[in-house]
Amino acid sequence: MVITIDGPAGTGKSSVAQKVADLLGFDFLDTGAMYRAVALAAVRRQADLNDPRELEFIARHARIEFDWSAHPPAIQLNDEPVGHLLRGAEVTAAASRIAVVPAIRQQLVEQQRQLGQQRGSLVTEGRDQGSVVFPDATLKIYLDADPAERGRRRVAQLRARGEIVDPAEILRQIVERDQRDSGRATGPLAAATDASIIDTTHLTQQQVIEAIVKLARQRMEQS
């Protein structure tokens, strides 16, 4: 059984997906971390982020794997654990450029499908998991929230890490990312036609988790 959780930045996809996976006893796949790992490789090589061919070359030679014995699964880049390096501003900015390169998306989509076949029961989160990567998923969820609320959450997250941030700039970045993700030709941000849409603006994380787990158990009973 594959459960996909898609949505724009700041809707809490990663945290929700991980906890849903824990409650159901499924594996958790953080696809955003895969794009961020390629971005980290590009940053380290001081790549031209406006050159798709250079970025594609870097992605082809980046070996991205997960250590499934860790909780949550720990992403590795060329055998190096890099999860703690993927949330900084530089890698985040680079990831948004990486994500719009069609050849890189195709490469990572293939890897994600392979992981789905290998791991069996999986909760996977991203922006095109239900619409592109796993079109036959048993349950598809699309999380959404007001941009201002998503900006507030992102600011709180960064400040909790000790970073100094400008709320107005964070909101601008979120709106810009939404436009870029929705407008790209390959794997655009969009809710699958058969996805259950949950607006998280006024919901707690626990309420969102409970709603998804309830839907998942209903599907499991039906099957």
N, C-alpha and C. Protein backbone atom coordinates (compact mmCIF):
# COMPACT_ATOMS: atom_id res chain seq x y z
N MET A 1 0.85 -1.20 0.00
CA MET A 1 0.00 0.00 0.00
C MET A 1 0.87 1.23 0.00
N VAL A 2 0.61 2.14 -0.93
CA VAL A 2 1.34 3.40 -1.01
C VAL A 2 0.39 4.55 -0.69
N ILE A 3 0.80 5.40 0.23
CA ILE A 3 0.05 6.61 0.56
C ILE A 3 0.90 7.80 0.13
N THR A 4 0.36 8.66 -0.70
CA THR A 4 1.09 9.84 -1.15
C THR A 4 0.55 11.08 -0.43
N ILE A 5 1.46 11.95 -0.03
CA ILE A 5 1.08 13.21 0.61
C ILE A 5 1.80 14.33 -0.13
N ASP A 6 1.05 15.09 -0.90
CA ASP A 6 1.60 16.19 -1.69
C ASP A 6 1.12 17.53 -1.16
N GLY A 7 1.75 18.59 -1.67
CA GLY A 7 1.34 19.94 -1.28
C GLY A 7 2.49 20.90 -1.37
N PRO A 8 2.20 22.19 -1.29
CA PRO A 8 3.25 23.21 -1.37
C PRO A 8 4.07 23.28 -0.09
N ALA A 9 5.13 24.08 -0.14
CA ALA A 9 6.02 24.24 1.01
C ALA A 9 5.26 24.83 2.20
N GLY A 10 5.59 24.33 3.39
CA GLY A 10 5.02 24.91 4.60
C GLY A 10 3.71 24.31 5.05
N THR A 11 3.28 23.22 4.42
CA THR A 11 2.03 22.59 4.84
C THR A 11 2.27 21.47 5.84
N GLY A 12 3.53 21.20 6.15
CA GLY A 12 3.85 20.18 7.15
C GLY A 12 3.91 18.78 6.62
N LYS A 13 4.14 18.63 5.31
CA LYS A 13 4.10 17.30 4.68
C LYS A 13 5.07 16.31 5.32
N SER A 14 6.32 16.72 5.49
CA SER A 14 7.33 15.78 5.98
C SER A 14 7.01 15.27 7.38
N SER A 15 6.70 16.20 8.29
CA SER A 15 6.40 15.80 9.67
C SER A 15 5.15 14.92 9.74
N VAL A 16 4.13 15.31 8.99
CA VAL A 16 2.88 14.55 8.98
C VAL A 16 3.10 13.16 8.38
N ALA A 17 3.81 13.11 7.25
CA ALA A 17 4.03 11.83 6.57
C ALA A 17 4.80 10.87 7.46
N GLN A 18 5.82 11.39 8.14
CA GLN A 18 6.63 10.54 9.01
C GLN A 18 5.79 9.95 10.15
N LYS A 19 4.94 10.77 10.74
CA LYS A 19 4.14 10.29 11.87
C LYS A 19 3.01 9.36 11.42
N VAL A 20 2.47 9.62 10.24
CA VAL A 20 1.46 8.70 9.69
C VAL A 20 2.11 7.34 9.43
N ALA A 21 3.31 7.36 8.86
CA ALA A 21 4.03 6.10 8.60
C ALA A 21 4.28 5.35 9.90
N ASP A 22 4.68 6.06 10.95
CA ASP A 22 4.93 5.42 12.24
C ASP A 22 3.66 4.74 12.77
N LEU A 23 2.54 5.45 12.70
CA LEU A 23 1.30 4.92 13.25
C LEU A 23 0.80 3.70 12.48
N LEU A 24 1.08 3.67 11.17
CA LEU A 24 0.60 2.57 10.34
C LEU A 24 1.62 1.44 10.20
N GLY A 25 2.85 1.71 10.67
CA GLY A 25 3.91 0.71 10.52
C GLY A 25 4.45 0.64 9.10
N PHE A 26 4.38 1.76 8.38
CA PHE A 26 4.88 1.83 7.01
C PHE A 26 6.26 2.48 6.99
N ASP A 27 6.97 2.35 5.86
CA ASP A 27 8.20 3.10 5.65
C ASP A 27 7.84 4.53 5.22
N PHE A 28 8.76 5.46 5.49
CA PHE A 28 8.56 6.87 5.14
C PHE A 28 9.61 7.29 4.13
N LEU A 29 9.15 7.86 3.01
CA LEU A 29 10.05 8.33 1.96
C LEU A 29 9.95 9.84 1.84
N ASP A 30 11.06 10.51 2.15
CA ASP A 30 11.15 11.97 2.06
C ASP A 30 11.76 12.33 0.70
N THR A 31 10.91 12.55 -0.30
CA THR A 31 11.43 12.81 -1.64
C THR A 31 12.08 14.19 -1.74
N GLY A 32 11.61 15.12 -0.91
CA GLY A 32 12.23 16.44 -0.92
C GLY A 32 13.69 16.37 -0.55
N ALA A 33 14.03 15.45 0.35
CA ALA A 33 15.43 15.28 0.74
C ALA A 33 16.27 14.80 -0.42
N MET A 34 15.68 14.07 -1.35
CA MET A 34 16.43 13.60 -2.51
C MET A 34 16.83 14.78 -3.40
N TYR A 35 15.90 15.70 -3.62
CA TYR A 35 16.24 16.90 -4.41
C TYR A 35 17.25 17.77 -3.66
N ARG A 36 17.11 17.84 -2.36
CA ARG A 36 18.04 18.63 -1.57
C ARG A 36 19.44 18.02 -1.57
N ALA A 37 19.51 16.69 -1.63
CA ALA A 37 20.82 16.04 -1.69
C ALA A 37 21.53 16.39 -3.00
N VAL A 38 20.79 16.38 -4.10
CA VAL A 38 21.38 16.81 -5.38
C VAL A 38 21.80 18.27 -5.29
N ALA A 39 20.96 19.08 -4.64
CA ALA A 39 21.30 20.50 -4.48
C ALA A 39 22.58 20.67 -3.68
N LEU A 40 22.74 19.87 -2.63
CA LEU A 40 23.96 19.93 -1.83
C LEU A 40 25.18 19.59 -2.69
N ALA A 41 25.04 18.57 -3.53
CA ALA A 41 26.14 18.21 -4.42
C ALA A 41 26.48 19.37 -5.36
N ALA A 42 25.45 20.06 -5.85
CA ALA A 42 25.67 21.19 -6.75
C ALA A 42 26.34 22.35 -6.03
N VAL A 43 25.90 22.63 -4.80
CA VAL A 43 26.50 23.70 -4.01
C VAL A 43 27.96 23.41 -3.74
N ARG A 44 28.25 22.17 -3.40
CA ARG A 44 29.64 21.81 -3.10
C ARG A 44 30.54 21.97 -4.32
N ARG A 45 30.00 21.75 -5.49
CA ARG A 45 30.78 21.88 -6.72
C ARG A 45 30.76 23.31 -7.27
N GLN A 46 30.06 24.19 -6.54
CA GLN A 46 29.92 25.58 -6.97
C GLN A 46 29.36 25.64 -8.40
N ALA A 47 28.35 24.84 -8.64
CA ALA A 47 27.76 24.73 -9.97
C ALA A 47 26.99 25.98 -10.34
N ASP A 48 26.85 26.18 -11.65
CA ASP A 48 26.01 27.26 -12.17
C ASP A 48 24.57 26.76 -12.11
N LEU A 49 23.78 27.31 -11.20
CA LEU A 49 22.41 26.85 -11.01
C LEU A 49 21.48 27.22 -12.16
N ASN A 50 21.99 28.01 -13.08
CA ASN A 50 21.20 28.36 -14.27
C ASN A 50 21.57 27.50 -15.47
N ASP A 51 22.43 26.51 -15.26
CA ASP A 51 22.88 25.63 -16.36
C ASP A 51 22.30 24.23 -16.15
N PRO A 52 21.18 23.90 -16.80
CA PRO A 52 20.54 22.60 -16.60
C PRO A 52 21.45 21.43 -16.94
N ARG A 53 22.30 21.58 -17.96
CA ARG A 53 23.18 20.47 -18.34
C ARG A 53 24.19 20.16 -17.25
N GLU A 54 24.73 21.19 -16.62
CA GLU A 54 25.67 20.96 -15.53
C GLU A 54 24.97 20.32 -14.34
N LEU A 55 23.77 20.79 -14.04
CA LEU A 55 23.02 20.22 -12.93
C LEU A 55 22.64 18.76 -13.20
N GLU A 56 22.27 18.46 -14.44
CA GLU A 56 21.94 17.09 -14.80
C GLU A 56 23.16 16.18 -14.64
N PHE A 57 24.31 16.66 -15.04
CA PHE A 57 25.55 15.89 -14.90
C PHE A 57 25.82 15.57 -13.43
N ILE A 58 25.66 16.57 -12.58
CA ILE A 58 25.88 16.37 -11.14
C ILE A 58 24.90 15.35 -10.59
N ALA A 59 23.63 15.45 -11.00
CA ALA A 59 22.61 14.53 -10.51
C ALA A 59 22.91 13.10 -10.94
N ARG A 60 23.37 12.92 -12.16
CA ARG A 60 23.67 11.58 -12.66
C ARG A 60 24.77 10.90 -11.86
N HIS A 61 25.68 11.70 -11.33
CA HIS A 61 26.82 11.15 -10.61
C HIS A 61 26.66 11.23 -9.08
N ALA A 62 25.46 11.61 -8.66
CA ALA A 62 25.16 11.66 -7.22
C ALA A 62 24.44 10.38 -6.83
N ARG A 63 25.03 9.60 -5.98
CA ARG A 63 24.41 8.35 -5.53
C ARG A 63 23.61 8.63 -4.26
N ILE A 64 22.31 8.58 -4.41
CA ILE A 64 21.41 8.92 -3.31
C ILE A 64 20.76 7.64 -2.79
N GLU A 65 20.94 7.39 -1.51
CA GLU A 65 20.39 6.18 -0.89
C GLU A 65 19.83 6.54 0.48
N PHE A 66 19.06 5.61 1.04
CA PHE A 66 18.52 5.79 2.39
C PHE A 66 19.00 4.65 3.27
N ASP A 67 19.31 4.99 4.50
CA ASP A 67 19.59 3.98 5.52
C ASP A 67 18.27 3.69 6.21
N TRP A 68 17.62 2.59 5.83
CA TRP A 68 16.28 2.28 6.32
C TRP A 68 16.29 1.77 7.75
N SER A 69 17.50 1.51 8.29
CA SER A 69 17.56 1.07 9.68
C SER A 69 17.44 2.25 10.65
N ALA A 70 17.61 3.47 10.14
CA ALA A 70 17.51 4.66 10.97
C ALA A 70 16.06 5.11 11.05
N HIS A 71 15.76 5.91 12.07
CA HIS A 71 14.40 6.44 12.22
C HIS A 71 14.45 7.94 12.50
N PRO A 72 13.98 8.77 11.54
CA PRO A 72 13.49 8.36 10.22
C PRO A 72 14.62 7.90 9.32
N PRO A 73 14.31 7.27 8.18
CA PRO A 73 15.36 6.82 7.28
C PRO A 73 16.33 7.96 6.97
N ALA A 74 17.62 7.65 7.06
CA ALA A 74 18.66 8.68 6.90
C ALA A 74 19.14 8.72 5.45
N ILE A 75 19.07 9.89 4.84
CA ILE A 75 19.51 10.01 3.46
C ILE A 75 21.02 10.12 3.40
N GLN A 76 21.59 9.49 2.36
CA GLN A 76 23.03 9.49 2.17
C GLN A 76 23.36 9.95 0.76
N LEU A 77 24.39 10.75 0.64
CA LEU A 77 24.89 11.21 -0.64
C LEU A 77 26.28 10.63 -0.83
N ASN A 78 26.42 9.73 -1.80
CA ASN A 78 27.71 9.07 -2.04
C ASN A 78 28.27 8.47 -0.75
N ASP A 79 27.41 7.75 -0.04
CA ASP A 79 27.74 7.03 1.20
C ASP A 79 27.94 7.94 2.42
N GLU A 80 27.70 9.23 2.28
CA GLU A 80 27.86 10.17 3.40
C GLU A 80 26.49 10.57 3.94
N PRO A 81 26.23 10.39 5.23
CA PRO A 81 24.97 10.88 5.80
C PRO A 81 24.92 12.41 5.71
N VAL A 82 23.88 12.94 5.07
CA VAL A 82 23.85 14.39 4.83
C VAL A 82 22.56 15.04 5.30
N GLY A 83 21.71 14.30 6.01
CA GLY A 83 20.43 14.86 6.42
C GLY A 83 20.55 16.17 7.17
N HIS A 84 21.59 16.29 8.00
CA HIS A 84 21.77 17.49 8.81
C HIS A 84 22.26 18.69 8.00
N LEU A 85 22.58 18.48 6.73
CA LEU A 85 23.12 19.55 5.89
C LEU A 85 22.11 20.08 4.88
N LEU A 86 20.89 19.56 4.89
CA LEU A 86 19.98 19.83 3.78
C LEU A 86 18.99 20.96 4.01
N ARG A 87 18.93 21.55 5.19
CA ARG A 87 17.89 22.54 5.48
C ARG A 87 18.38 23.97 5.51
N GLY A 88 19.66 24.18 5.23
CA GLY A 88 20.18 25.54 5.22
C GLY A 88 19.66 26.35 4.05
N ALA A 89 19.82 27.67 4.14
CA ALA A 89 19.27 28.57 3.12
C ALA A 89 19.87 28.32 1.74
N GLU A 90 21.18 28.06 1.69
CA GLU A 90 21.84 27.90 0.39
C GLU A 90 21.35 26.64 -0.33
N VAL A 91 21.26 25.54 0.40
CA VAL A 91 20.78 24.30 -0.20
C VAL A 91 19.30 24.41 -0.56
N THR A 92 18.52 25.06 0.30
CA THR A 92 17.10 25.25 0.02
C THR A 92 16.88 26.02 -1.28
N ALA A 93 17.66 27.10 -1.46
CA ALA A 93 17.54 27.90 -2.68
C ALA A 93 17.96 27.09 -3.90
N ALA A 94 19.04 26.32 -3.76
CA ALA A 94 19.51 25.51 -4.88
C ALA A 94 18.52 24.41 -5.23
N ALA A 95 17.86 23.84 -4.22
CA ALA A 95 16.91 22.76 -4.47
C ALA A 95 15.75 23.21 -5.35
N SER A 96 15.34 24.46 -5.19
CA SER A 96 14.23 24.96 -6.01
C SER A 96 14.64 25.06 -7.47
N ARG A 97 15.93 25.26 -7.74
CA ARG A 97 16.43 25.28 -9.12
C ARG A 97 16.58 23.85 -9.65
N ILE A 98 17.06 22.97 -8.80
CA ILE A 98 17.23 21.57 -9.19
C ILE A 98 15.89 20.96 -9.59
N ALA A 99 14.86 21.29 -8.84
CA ALA A 99 13.56 20.64 -9.00
C ALA A 99 12.88 20.95 -10.33
N VAL A 100 13.31 21.98 -11.03
CA VAL A 100 12.65 22.33 -12.29
C VAL A 100 13.37 21.78 -13.50
N VAL A 101 14.47 21.05 -13.31
CA VAL A 101 15.21 20.46 -14.44
C VAL A 101 14.55 19.13 -14.80
N PRO A 102 13.93 19.00 -15.97
CA PRO A 102 13.17 17.79 -16.32
C PRO A 102 13.98 16.50 -16.20
N ALA A 103 15.23 16.50 -16.65
CA ALA A 103 16.03 15.28 -16.62
C ALA A 103 16.29 14.82 -15.19
N ILE A 104 16.46 15.77 -14.28
CA ILE A 104 16.68 15.40 -12.88
C ILE A 104 15.40 14.85 -12.27
N ARG A 105 14.29 15.47 -12.57
CA ARG A 105 13.01 14.98 -12.05
C ARG A 105 12.76 13.56 -12.56
N GLN A 106 13.03 13.32 -13.83
CA GLN A 106 12.83 11.98 -14.39
C GLN A 106 13.70 10.96 -13.67
N GLN A 107 14.95 11.31 -13.42
CA GLN A 107 15.87 10.41 -12.73
C GLN A 107 15.37 10.08 -11.33
N LEU A 108 14.96 11.10 -10.59
CA LEU A 108 14.53 10.86 -9.21
C LEU A 108 13.17 10.18 -9.14
N VAL A 109 12.30 10.46 -10.09
CA VAL A 109 11.00 9.77 -10.14
C VAL A 109 11.22 8.27 -10.32
N GLU A 110 12.15 7.90 -11.19
CA GLU A 110 12.44 6.48 -11.40
C GLU A 110 12.97 5.84 -10.11
N GLN A 111 13.84 6.55 -9.41
CA GLN A 111 14.37 6.04 -8.15
C GLN A 111 13.26 5.88 -7.12
N GLN A 112 12.35 6.86 -7.07
CA GLN A 112 11.26 6.80 -6.10
C GLN A 112 10.33 5.62 -6.39
N ARG A 113 10.07 5.36 -7.66
CA ARG A 113 9.22 4.21 -8.01
C ARG A 113 9.91 2.89 -7.64
N GLN A 114 11.21 2.83 -7.84
CA GLN A 114 11.96 1.63 -7.45
C GLN A 114 11.87 1.39 -5.95
N LEU A 115 11.98 2.49 -5.18
CA LEU A 115 11.87 2.36 -3.73
C LEU A 115 10.48 1.90 -3.33
N GLY A 116 9.47 2.38 -4.04
CA GLY A 116 8.10 1.96 -3.76
C GLY A 116 7.93 0.46 -3.97
N GLN A 117 8.55 -0.07 -5.02
CA GLN A 117 8.48 -1.50 -5.29
C GLN A 117 9.26 -2.30 -4.25
N GLN A 118 10.40 -1.77 -3.84
CA GLN A 118 11.27 -2.49 -2.90
C GLN A 118 10.72 -2.49 -1.48
N ARG A 119 10.14 -1.38 -1.06
CA ARG A 119 9.77 -1.24 0.36
C ARG A 119 8.37 -1.74 0.66
N GLY A 120 7.51 -1.82 -0.35
CA GLY A 120 6.15 -2.32 -0.10
C GLY A 120 5.23 -1.24 0.44
N SER A 121 4.90 -1.28 1.72
CA SER A 121 4.00 -0.30 2.32
C SER A 121 4.77 0.97 2.62
N LEU A 122 4.34 2.08 2.02
CA LEU A 122 5.13 3.30 2.02
C LEU A 122 4.25 4.53 2.15
N VAL A 123 4.70 5.49 2.95
CA VAL A 123 4.11 6.83 2.96
C VAL A 123 5.16 7.75 2.33
N THR A 124 4.81 8.38 1.25
CA THR A 124 5.76 9.21 0.52
C THR A 124 5.22 10.61 0.36
N GLU A 125 6.09 11.60 0.54
CA GLU A 125 5.62 12.99 0.45
C GLU A 125 6.43 13.76 -0.58
N GLY A 126 5.79 14.77 -1.17
CA GLY A 126 6.46 15.59 -2.17
C GLY A 126 5.50 16.57 -2.81
N ARG A 127 5.68 16.77 -4.10
CA ARG A 127 4.81 17.69 -4.82
C ARG A 127 4.10 17.02 -6.00
N ASP A 128 4.60 15.86 -6.41
CA ASP A 128 3.99 15.17 -7.55
C ASP A 128 3.86 13.67 -7.30
N GLN A 129 3.81 13.27 -6.04
CA GLN A 129 3.79 11.84 -5.72
C GLN A 129 2.50 11.17 -6.19
N GLY A 130 1.37 11.79 -5.93
CA GLY A 130 0.10 11.20 -6.34
C GLY A 130 -0.24 11.45 -7.80
N SER A 131 0.21 12.57 -8.34
CA SER A 131 -0.14 12.93 -9.71
C SER A 131 0.78 12.31 -10.75
N VAL A 132 2.05 12.06 -10.39
CA VAL A 132 3.02 11.58 -11.37
C VAL A 132 3.71 10.28 -10.93
N VAL A 133 4.30 10.29 -9.74
CA VAL A 133 5.18 9.18 -9.35
C VAL A 133 4.39 7.90 -9.07
N PHE A 134 3.32 8.01 -8.27
CA PHE A 134 2.52 6.84 -7.90
C PHE A 134 1.05 7.09 -8.26
N PRO A 135 0.74 7.11 -9.56
CA PRO A 135 -0.64 7.41 -9.97
C PRO A 135 -1.66 6.37 -9.51
N ASP A 136 -1.17 5.16 -9.15
CA ASP A 136 -2.07 4.10 -8.70
C ASP A 136 -2.04 3.92 -7.18
N ALA A 137 -1.54 4.91 -6.46
CA ALA A 137 -1.45 4.83 -5.01
C ALA A 137 -2.83 4.54 -4.40
N THR A 138 -2.84 3.78 -3.32
CA THR A 138 -4.09 3.42 -2.66
C THR A 138 -4.80 4.63 -2.07
N LEU A 139 -4.01 5.55 -1.51
CA LEU A 139 -4.58 6.76 -0.91
C LEU A 139 -3.71 7.95 -1.28
N LYS A 140 -4.35 9.00 -1.77
CA LYS A 140 -3.64 10.22 -2.15
C LYS A 140 -4.17 11.39 -1.31
N ILE A 141 -3.24 12.10 -0.70
CA ILE A 141 -3.59 13.26 0.13
C ILE A 141 -2.91 14.48 -0.46
N TYR A 142 -3.62 15.59 -0.47
CA TYR A 142 -3.03 16.87 -0.87
C TYR A 142 -3.25 17.86 0.26
N LEU A 143 -2.16 18.28 0.90
CA LEU A 143 -2.24 19.26 1.98
C LEU A 143 -2.07 20.66 1.42
N ASP A 144 -2.87 21.58 1.92
CA ASP A 144 -2.76 22.98 1.49
C ASP A 144 -2.91 23.86 2.72
N ALA A 145 -2.55 25.12 2.57
CA ALA A 145 -2.71 26.10 3.65
C ALA A 145 -2.50 27.48 3.06
N ASP A 146 -3.06 28.47 3.72
CA ASP A 146 -2.88 29.86 3.29
C ASP A 146 -1.39 30.21 3.27
N PRO A 147 -0.91 30.92 2.23
CA PRO A 147 0.52 31.27 2.16
C PRO A 147 1.02 32.00 3.40
N ALA A 148 0.22 32.89 3.97
CA ALA A 148 0.66 33.62 5.16
C ALA A 148 0.89 32.67 6.33
N GLU A 149 0.03 31.68 6.48
CA GLU A 149 0.19 30.70 7.55
C GLU A 149 1.41 29.81 7.29
N ARG A 150 1.62 29.46 6.04
CA ARG A 150 2.79 28.64 5.72
C ARG A 150 4.07 29.43 5.98
N GLY A 151 4.03 30.73 5.70
CA GLY A 151 5.18 31.58 5.99
C GLY A 151 5.44 31.66 7.48
N ARG A 152 4.38 31.79 8.26
CA ARG A 152 4.53 31.86 9.71
C ARG A 152 5.16 30.59 10.25
N ARG A 153 4.72 29.44 9.75
CA ARG A 153 5.28 28.17 10.20
C ARG A 153 6.76 28.06 9.86
N ARG A 154 7.10 28.48 8.65
CA ARG A 154 8.50 28.39 8.22
C ARG A 154 9.39 29.29 9.06
N VAL A 155 8.92 30.48 9.37
CA VAL A 155 9.68 31.42 10.20
C VAL A 155 9.90 30.80 11.58
N ALA A 156 8.85 30.24 12.16
CA ALA A 156 8.96 29.62 13.48
C ALA A 156 9.96 28.47 13.47
N GLN A 157 9.93 27.68 12.39
CA GLN A 157 10.85 26.55 12.26
C GLN A 157 12.31 27.03 12.20
N LEU A 158 12.56 28.05 11.40
CA LEU A 158 13.93 28.56 11.25
C LEU A 158 14.42 29.23 12.53
N ARG A 159 13.55 29.98 13.17
CA ARG A 159 13.94 30.64 14.43
C ARG A 159 14.22 29.62 15.52
N ALA A 160 13.50 28.51 15.48
CA ALA A 160 13.75 27.46 16.47
C ALA A 160 15.14 26.87 16.31
N ARG A 161 15.68 26.99 15.09
CA ARG A 161 17.04 26.50 14.84
C ARG A 161 18.09 27.57 15.13
N GLY A 162 17.62 28.75 15.54
CA GLY A 162 18.55 29.82 15.86
C GLY A 162 18.88 30.73 14.71
N GLU A 163 18.15 30.59 13.59
CA GLU A 163 18.42 31.43 12.42
C GLU A 163 17.67 32.76 12.54
N ILE A 164 18.28 33.82 12.02
CA ILE A 164 17.65 35.14 11.96
C ILE A 164 16.98 35.27 10.59
N VAL A 165 15.69 35.49 10.59
CA VAL A 165 14.95 35.51 9.32
C VAL A 165 14.05 36.73 9.23
N ASP A 166 13.75 37.09 7.99
CA ASP A 166 12.83 38.20 7.69
C ASP A 166 11.50 37.58 7.25
N PRO A 167 10.43 37.71 8.04
CA PRO A 167 9.15 37.09 7.68
C PRO A 167 8.65 37.48 6.29
N ALA A 168 8.83 38.74 5.93
CA ALA A 168 8.37 39.20 4.61
C ALA A 168 9.13 38.48 3.50
N GLU A 169 10.42 38.28 3.70
CA GLU A 169 11.23 37.59 2.69
C GLU A 169 10.85 36.12 2.61
N ILE A 170 10.57 35.50 3.73
CA ILE A 170 10.15 34.10 3.74
C ILE A 170 8.84 33.94 2.97
N LEU A 171 7.89 34.85 3.20
CA LEU A 171 6.61 34.79 2.49
C LEU A 171 6.82 34.99 1.00
N ARG A 172 7.68 35.93 0.64
CA ARG A 172 7.97 36.15 -0.79
C ARG A 172 8.54 34.90 -1.43
N GLN A 173 9.44 34.22 -0.74
CA GLN A 173 10.05 33.00 -1.26
C GLN A 173 9.01 31.89 -1.45
N ILE A 174 8.08 31.80 -0.49
CA ILE A 174 7.04 30.77 -0.58
C ILE A 174 6.14 31.01 -1.78
N VAL A 175 5.71 32.24 -1.98
CA VAL A 175 4.84 32.58 -3.11
C VAL A 175 5.57 32.33 -4.43
N GLU A 176 6.84 32.71 -4.47
CA GLU A 176 7.65 32.50 -5.67
C GLU A 176 7.82 31.01 -5.95
N ARG A 177 8.07 30.24 -4.90
CA ARG A 177 8.23 28.79 -5.07
C ARG A 177 6.92 28.16 -5.56
N ASP A 178 5.79 28.59 -5.02
CA ASP A 178 4.50 28.07 -5.47
C ASP A 178 4.32 28.29 -6.97
N GLN A 179 4.64 29.49 -7.42
CA GLN A 179 4.48 29.82 -8.83
C GLN A 179 5.40 28.98 -9.70
N ARG A 180 6.64 28.82 -9.25
CA ARG A 180 7.61 28.04 -10.03
C ARG A 180 7.20 26.56 -10.06
N ASP A 181 6.79 26.02 -8.91
CA ASP A 181 6.41 24.61 -8.86
C ASP A 181 5.15 24.33 -9.67
N SER A 182 4.20 25.24 -9.62
CA SER A 182 2.94 25.03 -10.34
C SER A 182 3.11 25.21 -11.85
N GLY A 183 4.07 26.04 -12.25
CA GLY A 183 4.21 26.37 -13.65
C GLY A 183 5.21 25.53 -14.42
N ARG A 184 5.97 24.66 -13.74
CA ARG A 184 6.98 23.89 -14.46
C ARG A 184 6.31 22.86 -15.36
N ALA A 185 7.01 22.52 -16.44
CA ALA A 185 6.46 21.60 -17.43
C ALA A 185 6.44 20.16 -16.95
N THR A 186 7.45 19.77 -16.15
CA THR A 186 7.58 18.38 -15.71
C THR A 186 7.23 18.27 -14.23
N GLY A 187 6.28 17.40 -13.92
CA GLY A 187 5.91 17.17 -12.52
C GLY A 187 5.46 18.41 -11.80
N PRO A 188 4.53 19.18 -12.35
CA PRO A 188 4.09 20.41 -11.67
C PRO A 188 3.35 20.11 -10.37
N LEU A 189 3.40 21.07 -9.46
CA LEU A 189 2.65 20.96 -8.22
C LEU A 189 1.17 21.02 -8.53
N ALA A 190 0.46 19.95 -8.24
CA ALA A 190 -0.98 19.90 -8.50
C ALA A 190 -1.58 18.74 -7.72
N ALA A 191 -2.80 18.92 -7.29
CA ALA A 191 -3.49 17.83 -6.61
C ALA A 191 -3.96 16.81 -7.63
N ALA A 192 -3.71 15.54 -7.37
CA ALA A 192 -4.24 14.49 -8.23
C ALA A 192 -5.76 14.57 -8.24
N THR A 193 -6.36 14.21 -9.34
CA THR A 193 -7.82 14.33 -9.46
C THR A 193 -8.56 13.50 -8.41
N ASP A 194 -7.92 12.41 -7.94
CA ASP A 194 -8.58 11.55 -6.95
C ASP A 194 -7.99 11.72 -5.55
N ALA A 195 -7.33 12.84 -5.31
CA ALA A 195 -6.73 13.10 -3.99
C ALA A 195 -7.75 13.68 -3.02
N SER A 196 -7.57 13.36 -1.76
CA SER A 196 -8.36 13.99 -0.69
C SER A 196 -7.61 15.26 -0.28
N ILE A 197 -8.25 16.40 -0.40
CA ILE A 197 -7.60 17.68 -0.12
C ILE A 197 -7.91 18.09 1.33
N ILE A 198 -6.84 18.39 2.07
CA ILE A 198 -6.99 18.81 3.47
C ILE A 198 -6.35 20.18 3.62
N ASP A 199 -7.16 21.18 3.98
CA ASP A 199 -6.64 22.52 4.25
C ASP A 199 -6.18 22.56 5.71
N THR A 200 -4.88 22.73 5.91
CA THR A 200 -4.32 22.67 7.25
C THR A 200 -4.20 24.03 7.94
N THR A 201 -4.72 25.08 7.30
CA THR A 201 -4.54 26.43 7.84
C THR A 201 -4.96 26.54 9.30
N HIS A 202 -6.10 25.96 9.62
CA HIS A 202 -6.63 26.10 10.98
C HIS A 202 -6.64 24.77 11.74
N LEU A 203 -5.83 23.81 11.27
CA LEU A 203 -5.76 22.51 11.93
C LEU A 203 -4.42 22.34 12.63
N THR A 204 -4.44 21.61 13.72
CA THR A 204 -3.18 21.25 14.36
C THR A 204 -2.58 20.09 13.58
N GLN A 205 -1.28 19.88 13.78
CA GLN A 205 -0.62 18.77 13.11
C GLN A 205 -1.28 17.45 13.49
N GLN A 206 -1.63 17.30 14.77
CA GLN A 206 -2.25 16.06 15.24
C GLN A 206 -3.58 15.81 14.55
N GLN A 207 -4.36 16.86 14.33
CA GLN A 207 -5.64 16.71 13.64
C GLN A 207 -5.44 16.23 12.20
N VAL A 208 -4.42 16.76 11.54
CA VAL A 208 -4.13 16.35 10.16
C VAL A 208 -3.72 14.88 10.14
N ILE A 209 -2.84 14.50 11.06
CA ILE A 209 -2.38 13.11 11.14
C ILE A 209 -3.55 12.17 11.37
N GLU A 210 -4.41 12.52 12.30
CA GLU A 210 -5.55 11.65 12.62
C GLU A 210 -6.49 11.50 11.42
N ALA A 211 -6.68 12.58 10.68
CA ALA A 211 -7.57 12.53 9.51
C ALA A 211 -7.00 11.59 8.44
N ILE A 212 -5.68 11.65 8.23
CA ILE A 212 -5.06 10.80 7.20
C ILE A 212 -5.05 9.34 7.64
N VAL A 213 -4.73 9.08 8.90
CA VAL A 213 -4.70 7.71 9.40
C VAL A 213 -6.11 7.09 9.31
N LYS A 214 -7.12 7.88 9.62
CA LYS A 214 -8.50 7.38 9.51
C LYS A 214 -8.83 6.98 8.07
N LEU A 215 -8.46 7.82 7.12
CA LEU A 215 -8.70 7.52 5.71
C LEU A 215 -7.92 6.27 5.29
N ALA A 216 -6.67 6.18 5.75
CA ALA A 216 -5.83 5.03 5.38
C ALA A 216 -6.43 3.73 5.90
N ARG A 217 -6.91 3.74 7.13
CA ARG A 217 -7.46 2.51 7.71
C ARG A 217 -8.77 2.12 7.02
N GLN A 218 -9.51 3.13 6.58
CA GLN A 218 -10.73 2.83 5.81
C GLN A 218 -10.39 2.13 4.50
N ARG A 219 -9.35 2.63 3.83
CA ARG A 219 -8.92 2.00 2.57
C ARG A 219 -8.40 0.58 2.81
N MET A 220 -7.68 0.41 3.90
CA MET A 220 -7.14 -0.91 4.22
C MET A 220 -8.27 -1.90 4.48
N GLU A 221 -9.32 -1.46 5.15
CA GLU A 221 -10.48 -2.33 5.42
C GLU A 221 -11.21 -2.68 4.13
N GLN A 222 -11.30 -1.69 3.23
CA GLN A 222 -11.98 -1.91 1.95
C GLN A 222 -11.25 -2.92 1.08
N SER A 223 -9.92 -2.92 1.20
CA SER A 223 -9.12 -3.81 0.34
C SER A 223 -8.88 -5.17 0.99
